[in-house]
Each structure stands twice: as C-alpha cells, then as structure tokens.
N, C-alpha and C. Protein backbone atom coordinates (compact mmCIF):
# COMPACT_ATOMS: atom_id res chain seq x y z
N MET A 1 -58.88 -168.94 -68.57
CA MET A 1 -59.59 -170.16 -68.92
C MET A 1 -59.94 -170.10 -70.40
N ASP A 2 -59.73 -171.18 -71.07
CA ASP A 2 -60.01 -171.26 -72.51
C ASP A 2 -61.46 -171.73 -72.70
N TRP A 3 -62.34 -170.77 -72.96
CA TRP A 3 -63.77 -171.09 -73.09
C TRP A 3 -64.06 -171.93 -74.32
N GLY A 4 -63.19 -171.88 -75.30
CA GLY A 4 -63.37 -172.72 -76.49
C GLY A 4 -63.26 -174.19 -76.14
N LYS A 5 -62.27 -174.53 -75.31
CA LYS A 5 -62.11 -175.92 -74.87
C LYS A 5 -63.29 -176.37 -74.01
N VAL A 6 -63.73 -175.49 -73.13
CA VAL A 6 -64.88 -175.82 -72.28
C VAL A 6 -66.10 -176.10 -73.15
N GLY A 7 -66.31 -175.27 -74.14
CA GLY A 7 -67.42 -175.48 -75.07
C GLY A 7 -67.29 -176.79 -75.82
N GLU A 8 -66.06 -177.13 -76.23
CA GLU A 8 -65.84 -178.39 -76.92
C GLU A 8 -66.23 -179.57 -76.05
N TYR A 9 -65.82 -179.55 -74.78
CA TYR A 9 -66.14 -180.64 -73.87
C TYR A 9 -67.65 -180.74 -73.62
N VAL A 10 -68.28 -179.58 -73.47
CA VAL A 10 -69.72 -179.59 -73.22
C VAL A 10 -70.47 -180.14 -74.43
N VAL A 11 -70.15 -179.64 -75.61
CA VAL A 11 -70.82 -180.11 -76.82
C VAL A 11 -70.46 -181.56 -77.11
N GLY A 12 -69.23 -181.95 -76.83
CA GLY A 12 -68.81 -183.32 -77.07
C GLY A 12 -69.43 -184.32 -76.13
N SER A 13 -69.83 -183.87 -74.94
CA SER A 13 -70.42 -184.80 -73.98
C SER A 13 -71.93 -184.95 -74.14
N ILE A 14 -72.56 -184.13 -74.96
CA ILE A 14 -74.01 -184.21 -75.15
C ILE A 14 -74.43 -185.59 -75.67
N PRO A 15 -73.78 -186.16 -76.69
CA PRO A 15 -74.22 -187.51 -77.13
C PRO A 15 -74.08 -188.56 -76.04
N ALA A 16 -73.05 -188.46 -75.21
CA ALA A 16 -72.88 -189.43 -74.12
C ALA A 16 -74.00 -189.29 -73.09
N VAL A 17 -74.36 -188.07 -72.78
CA VAL A 17 -75.44 -187.83 -71.82
C VAL A 17 -76.76 -188.37 -72.37
N ILE A 18 -77.00 -188.15 -73.65
CA ILE A 18 -78.23 -188.66 -74.27
C ILE A 18 -78.23 -190.19 -74.27
N ALA A 19 -77.09 -190.80 -74.57
CA ALA A 19 -77.00 -192.27 -74.60
C ALA A 19 -77.24 -192.85 -73.21
N VAL A 20 -76.64 -192.26 -72.18
CA VAL A 20 -76.84 -192.76 -70.82
C VAL A 20 -78.29 -192.57 -70.40
N GLY A 21 -78.88 -191.44 -70.72
CA GLY A 21 -80.28 -191.20 -70.40
C GLY A 21 -81.21 -192.21 -71.07
N ALA A 22 -80.95 -192.49 -72.35
CA ALA A 22 -81.77 -193.47 -73.07
C ALA A 22 -81.61 -194.85 -72.45
N PHE A 23 -80.38 -195.20 -72.07
CA PHE A 23 -80.14 -196.49 -71.44
C PHE A 23 -80.89 -196.60 -70.11
N LEU A 24 -80.86 -195.55 -69.31
CA LEU A 24 -81.56 -195.57 -68.03
C LEU A 24 -83.08 -195.65 -68.21
N LEU A 25 -83.60 -194.97 -69.21
CA LEU A 25 -85.04 -195.06 -69.47
C LEU A 25 -85.43 -196.47 -69.91
N ARG A 26 -84.58 -197.10 -70.71
CA ARG A 26 -84.85 -198.46 -71.16
C ARG A 26 -84.84 -199.43 -69.98
N ILE A 27 -83.88 -199.27 -69.08
CA ILE A 27 -83.82 -200.13 -67.89
C ILE A 27 -85.04 -199.89 -67.00
N ASP A 28 -85.45 -198.63 -66.85
CA ASP A 28 -86.61 -198.32 -66.04
C ASP A 28 -87.86 -198.98 -66.60
N ARG A 29 -88.04 -198.92 -67.91
CA ARG A 29 -89.20 -199.54 -68.55
C ARG A 29 -89.17 -201.05 -68.35
N ARG A 30 -88.01 -201.66 -68.53
CA ARG A 30 -87.90 -203.11 -68.38
C ARG A 30 -88.18 -203.53 -66.94
N MET A 31 -87.67 -202.79 -65.99
CA MET A 31 -87.92 -203.13 -64.58
C MET A 31 -89.40 -202.97 -64.24
N GLY A 32 -90.06 -202.00 -64.85
CA GLY A 32 -91.50 -201.85 -64.65
C GLY A 32 -92.26 -203.05 -65.15
N ILE A 33 -91.84 -203.58 -66.30
CA ILE A 33 -92.48 -204.77 -66.86
C ILE A 33 -92.24 -205.96 -65.94
N PHE A 34 -91.01 -206.12 -65.45
CA PHE A 34 -90.71 -207.23 -64.53
C PHE A 34 -91.53 -207.11 -63.25
N MET A 35 -91.72 -205.88 -62.78
CA MET A 35 -92.49 -205.67 -61.55
C MET A 35 -93.93 -206.11 -61.76
N ILE A 36 -94.52 -205.78 -62.90
CA ILE A 36 -95.89 -206.18 -63.21
C ILE A 36 -95.98 -207.70 -63.28
N GLU A 37 -95.03 -208.34 -63.97
CA GLU A 37 -95.04 -209.80 -64.07
C GLU A 37 -94.89 -210.43 -62.70
N HIS A 38 -94.03 -209.87 -61.86
CA HIS A 38 -93.84 -210.39 -60.51
C HIS A 38 -95.13 -210.31 -59.71
N GLU A 39 -95.83 -209.18 -59.80
CA GLU A 39 -97.09 -209.03 -59.07
C GLU A 39 -98.13 -210.03 -59.57
N MET A 40 -98.16 -210.27 -60.87
CA MET A 40 -99.11 -211.24 -61.41
C MET A 40 -98.81 -212.65 -60.89
N LEU A 41 -97.53 -213.01 -60.88
CA LEU A 41 -97.15 -214.33 -60.38
C LEU A 41 -97.43 -214.46 -58.89
N MET A 42 -97.17 -213.42 -58.13
CA MET A 42 -97.41 -213.47 -56.69
C MET A 42 -98.91 -213.60 -56.40
N SER A 43 -99.74 -212.89 -57.15
CA SER A 43 -101.18 -213.00 -56.91
C SER A 43 -101.70 -214.38 -57.29
N LYS A 44 -101.16 -214.97 -58.36
CA LYS A 44 -101.55 -216.33 -58.74
C LYS A 44 -101.12 -217.32 -57.67
N TYR A 45 -99.90 -217.18 -57.16
CA TYR A 45 -99.41 -218.07 -56.11
C TYR A 45 -100.28 -217.95 -54.87
N ALA A 46 -100.60 -216.73 -54.46
CA ALA A 46 -101.42 -216.53 -53.27
C ALA A 46 -102.80 -217.15 -53.46
N LYS A 47 -103.35 -217.03 -54.66
CA LYS A 47 -104.66 -217.62 -54.93
C LYS A 47 -104.58 -219.14 -54.89
N ASP A 48 -103.51 -219.72 -55.44
CA ASP A 48 -103.35 -221.18 -55.45
C ASP A 48 -103.17 -221.73 -54.03
N VAL A 49 -102.44 -221.00 -53.18
CA VAL A 49 -102.18 -221.44 -51.82
C VAL A 49 -103.39 -221.17 -50.92
N GLY A 50 -104.19 -220.17 -51.29
CA GLY A 50 -105.36 -219.83 -50.50
C GLY A 50 -105.06 -218.83 -49.41
N VAL A 51 -104.05 -218.01 -49.61
CA VAL A 51 -103.66 -217.00 -48.62
C VAL A 51 -103.82 -215.62 -49.28
N PRO A 52 -104.37 -214.66 -48.55
CA PRO A 52 -104.42 -213.32 -49.13
C PRO A 52 -103.01 -212.80 -49.44
N LEU A 53 -102.90 -212.07 -50.50
CA LEU A 53 -101.60 -211.61 -50.97
C LEU A 53 -100.84 -210.82 -49.92
N HIS A 54 -101.54 -209.97 -49.18
CA HIS A 54 -100.85 -209.14 -48.20
C HIS A 54 -100.38 -209.93 -46.98
N GLU A 55 -100.79 -211.19 -46.83
CA GLU A 55 -100.37 -211.99 -45.69
C GLU A 55 -99.18 -212.91 -45.99
N LEU A 56 -98.68 -212.87 -47.20
CA LEU A 56 -97.50 -213.68 -47.52
C LEU A 56 -96.30 -213.16 -46.73
N PRO A 57 -95.37 -214.05 -46.36
CA PRO A 57 -94.22 -213.60 -45.55
C PRO A 57 -93.39 -212.50 -46.21
N THR A 58 -93.34 -212.50 -47.52
CA THR A 58 -92.55 -211.47 -48.19
C THR A 58 -93.25 -210.13 -48.18
N ARG A 59 -94.53 -210.09 -47.85
CA ARG A 59 -95.30 -208.85 -47.84
C ARG A 59 -95.47 -208.28 -46.46
N SER A 60 -95.22 -209.05 -45.43
CA SER A 60 -95.45 -208.54 -44.08
C SER A 60 -94.40 -207.52 -43.71
N LYS A 61 -94.81 -206.53 -42.96
CA LYS A 61 -93.90 -205.46 -42.55
C LYS A 61 -93.72 -205.51 -41.05
N GLY A 62 -92.62 -205.04 -40.60
CA GLY A 62 -92.35 -205.02 -39.18
C GLY A 62 -91.71 -206.33 -38.72
N VAL A 63 -91.74 -206.54 -37.42
CA VAL A 63 -91.10 -207.70 -36.83
C VAL A 63 -92.04 -208.90 -36.99
N ARG A 64 -91.46 -210.00 -37.45
CA ARG A 64 -92.25 -211.22 -37.60
C ARG A 64 -92.16 -212.02 -36.32
N SER A 65 -93.27 -212.64 -35.96
CA SER A 65 -93.26 -213.46 -34.76
C SER A 65 -93.23 -214.93 -35.08
C-alpha cells in the first residue's frame, strides 16, 4: 500500500470535510431560527383562536377521535 497516496487523499479531503461541516452547522442554525418563528406563530394563532397551544390538532399525540 502506498501510504503517500493515502496521506494525500486524507489531507486533500480535509477542506471538503470542513466545508460540509460548516454547511451543516449553518443549516442547523437556520432551522433553529425557523423553529422559534414557527412556535411564536403557533402561540399567536392559539391565542387568537382561544385554544390552548397543546390542544391544537397538530400538537395532539396518539389516536385522534
């Protein structure tokens, strides 16, 4: 096995791994922001309708009757 080539591939892939990691962190941060905005909108909607947030159909768990 040519360890020089293996080292080249490992060192050459480091920037790609860093770029993918940065991209995933950026997506995670953005999805966190969207989740917060969604919760704010859902709580406003529940308040406007007069229903507790946990009783909305999208929040109920289990079998619906």
